[in-house]
Amino acid sequence: MALGDILCIPILLFEFVFLLRLVLSFFPIQSDSLWGGARSLSVALTEPVVLPVRKAVPPLPGALGGFGIAELLVLIALQVIIQIVC
C-alpha cells in the first residue's frame, strides 16, 4: 500500500462529511432529529478546517443558505488535494 493510498482514504472520508455538511445546510432540519444529529456531527468534524478560512475571507452579502465563500474555497482546495494525492 503506497503512501498516497494511505492519505487518500481520510481525505475522501473528510470530503464525504464535508459534502454532507453542505447538502444538509440547505434544509431546515430540527436539531433533535436523526438528520439534525448528522448535521451537528458533520459541522463538528469539518469546522476546524472551515473556521480559519472563514476568518480570513470576508463573507459574501446574501450568501446562499449555509454555503458561503469559505465553504466554496475549502471544497475547491479539497478537490485539488484529491487530484494531487489520489
C-alpha atoms as a PDB file:
ATOM      1  CA  MET A   1       0.000   0.000   0.000  1.00  0.00           C
ATOM      2  CA  ALA A   2       1.511   3.298  -1.111  1.00  0.00           C
ATOM      3  CA  LEU A   3       1.643   6.477   0.940  1.00  0.00           C
ATOM      4  CA  GLY A   4      -0.831   8.105  -1.455  1.00  0.00           C
ATOM      5  CA  ASP A   5      -3.364   5.356  -0.765  1.00  0.00           C
ATOM      6  CA  ILE A   6      -2.973   5.769   2.990  1.00  0.00           C
ATOM      7  CA  LEU A   7      -3.526   9.532   2.731  1.00  0.00           C
ATOM      8  CA  CYS A   8      -6.330   9.197   0.203  1.00  0.00           C
ATOM      9  CA  ILE A   9      -8.770   7.354   2.475  1.00  0.00           C
ATOM     10  CA  PRO A  10      -9.015  10.017   5.233  1.00  0.00           C
ATOM     11  CA  ILE A  11      -9.133  12.793   2.647  1.00  0.00           C
ATOM     12  CA  LEU A  12     -12.034  11.125   0.826  1.00  0.00           C
ATOM     13  CA  LEU A  13     -13.832  10.488   4.117  1.00  0.00           C
ATOM     14  CA  PHE A  14     -13.408  14.147   5.039  1.00  0.00           C
ATOM     15  CA  GLU A  15     -14.756  15.136   1.629  1.00  0.00           C
ATOM     16  CA  PHE A  16     -17.834  12.948   2.168  1.00  0.00           C
ATOM     17  CA  VAL A  17     -18.510  14.510   5.582  1.00  0.00           C
ATOM     18  CA  PHE A  18     -17.935  17.997   4.160  1.00  0.00           C
ATOM     19  CA  LEU A  19     -20.353  17.383   1.272  1.00  0.00           C
ATOM     20  CA  LEU A  20     -22.904  16.059   3.773  1.00  0.00           C
ATOM     21  CA  ARG A  21     -22.495  19.290   5.724  1.00  0.00           C
ATOM     22  CA  LEU A  22     -23.056  21.362   2.588  1.00  0.00           C
ATOM     23  CA  VAL A  23     -26.145  19.453   1.477  1.00  0.00           C
ATOM     24  CA  LEU A  24     -27.746  19.465   4.915  1.00  0.00           C
ATOM     25  CA  SER A  25     -27.144  23.203   5.303  1.00  0.00           C
ATOM     26  CA  PHE A  26     -29.771  23.883   2.631  1.00  0.00           C
ATOM     27  CA  PHE A  27     -32.617  22.199   4.545  1.00  0.00           C
ATOM     28  CA  PRO A  28     -34.433  23.315   7.684  1.00  0.00           C
ATOM     29  CA  ILE A  29     -33.722  20.386   9.999  1.00  0.00           C
ATOM     30  CA  GLN A  30     -34.700  20.100  13.646  1.00  0.00           C
ATOM     31  CA  SER A  31     -31.671  19.555  15.838  1.00  0.00           C
ATOM     32  CA  ASP A  32     -33.291  16.687  17.777  1.00  0.00           C
ATOM     33  CA  SER A  33     -33.883  14.549  14.649  1.00  0.00           C
ATOM     34  CA  LEU A  34     -31.566  11.978  13.079  1.00  0.00           C
ATOM     35  CA  TRP A  35     -30.606  14.392  10.295  1.00  0.00           C
ATOM     36  CA  GLY A  36     -30.048  17.129  12.853  1.00  0.00           C
ATOM     37  CA  GLY A  37     -27.569  14.890  14.625  1.00  0.00           C
ATOM     38  CA  ALA A  38     -25.863  14.115  11.312  1.00  0.00           C
ATOM     39  CA  ARG A  39     -25.610  17.827  10.549  1.00  0.00           C
ATOM     40  CA  SER A  40     -24.212  18.592  14.012  1.00  0.00           C
ATOM     41  CA  LEU A  41     -21.620  15.834  13.671  1.00  0.00           C
ATOM     42  CA  SER A  42     -20.584  16.927  10.178  1.00  0.00           C
ATOM     43  CA  VAL A  43     -20.226  20.551  11.317  1.00  0.00           C
ATOM     44  CA  ALA A  44     -18.196  19.495  14.365  1.00  0.00           C
ATOM     45  CA  LEU A  45     -15.835  17.416  12.196  1.00  0.00           C
ATOM     46  CA  THR A  46     -15.330  20.000   9.448  1.00  0.00           C
ATOM     47  CA  GLU A  47     -15.460  23.288  11.361  1.00  0.00           C
ATOM     48  CA  PRO A  48     -11.733  23.203  12.327  1.00  0.00           C
ATOM     49  CA  VAL A  49     -10.926  23.417   8.608  1.00  0.00           C
ATOM     50  CA  VAL A  50     -13.636  25.915   7.623  1.00  0.00           C
ATOM     51  CA  LEU A  51     -13.214  28.349  10.530  1.00  0.00           C
ATOM     52  CA  PRO A  52      -9.712  29.645   9.621  1.00  0.00           C
ATOM     53  CA  VAL A  53     -10.835  30.159   6.019  1.00  0.00           C
ATOM     54  CA  ARG A  54     -13.988  31.941   7.185  1.00  0.00           C
ATOM     55  CA  LYS A  55     -11.887  34.262   9.375  1.00  0.00           C
ATOM     56  CA  ALA A  56      -9.504  35.050   6.508  1.00  0.00           C
ATOM     57  CA  VAL A  57     -12.145  35.646   3.822  1.00  0.00           C
ATOM     58  CA  PRO A  58     -14.892  38.246   4.268  1.00  0.00           C
ATOM     59  CA  PRO A  59     -18.461  36.928   3.887  1.00  0.00           C
ATOM     60  CA  LEU A  60     -20.418  37.491   0.708  1.00  0.00           C
ATOM     61  CA  PRO A  61     -23.531  39.618   1.009  1.00  0.00           C
ATOM     62  CA  GLY A  62     -26.594  37.406   0.594  1.00  0.00           C
ATOM     63  CA  ALA A  63     -24.788  34.077   0.941  1.00  0.00           C
ATOM     64  CA  LEU A  64     -26.719  31.020  -0.244  1.00  0.00           C
ATOM     65  CA  GLY A  65     -28.143  29.390   2.864  1.00  0.00           C
ATOM     66  CA  GLY A  66     -25.213  27.893   4.751  1.00  0.00           C
ATOM     67  CA  PHE A  67     -22.980  27.915   1.675  1.00  0.00           C
ATOM     68  CA  GLY A  68     -20.560  30.835   1.729  1.00  0.00           C
ATOM     69  CA  ILE A  69     -17.303  31.656   0.041  1.00  0.00           C
ATOM     70  CA  ALA A  70     -15.288  29.894   2.776  1.00  0.00           C
ATOM     71  CA  GLU A  71     -17.064  26.609   2.105  1.00  0.00           C
ATOM     72  CA  LEU A  72     -16.524  27.031  -1.627  1.00  0.00           C
ATOM     73  CA  LEU A  73     -12.800  27.641  -1.132  1.00  0.00           C
ATOM     74  CA  VAL A  74     -12.485  24.579   1.115  1.00  0.00           C
ATOM     75  CA  LEU A  75     -14.319  22.470  -1.463  1.00  0.00           C
ATOM     76  CA  ILE A  76     -12.001  23.665  -4.247  1.00  0.00           C
ATOM     77  CA  ALA A  77      -8.930  23.010  -2.085  1.00  0.00           C
ATOM     78  CA  LEU A  78     -10.221  19.516  -1.296  1.00  0.00           C
ATOM     79  CA  GLN A  79     -10.646  18.761  -4.977  1.00  0.00           C
ATOM     80  CA  VAL A  80      -7.120  19.961  -5.741  1.00  0.00           C
ATOM     81  CA  ILE A  81      -5.673  17.868  -2.892  1.00  0.00           C
ATOM     82  CA  ILE A  82      -7.594  14.804  -4.059  1.00  0.00           C
ATOM     83  CA  GLN A  83      -6.318  15.249  -7.624  1.00  0.00           C
ATOM     84  CA  ILE A  84      -2.733  15.525  -6.391  1.00  0.00           C
ATOM     85  CA  VAL A  85      -2.736  12.791  -3.730  1.00  0.00           C
ATOM     86  CA  CYS A  86      -5.223  10.274  -5.043  1.00  0.00           C
END
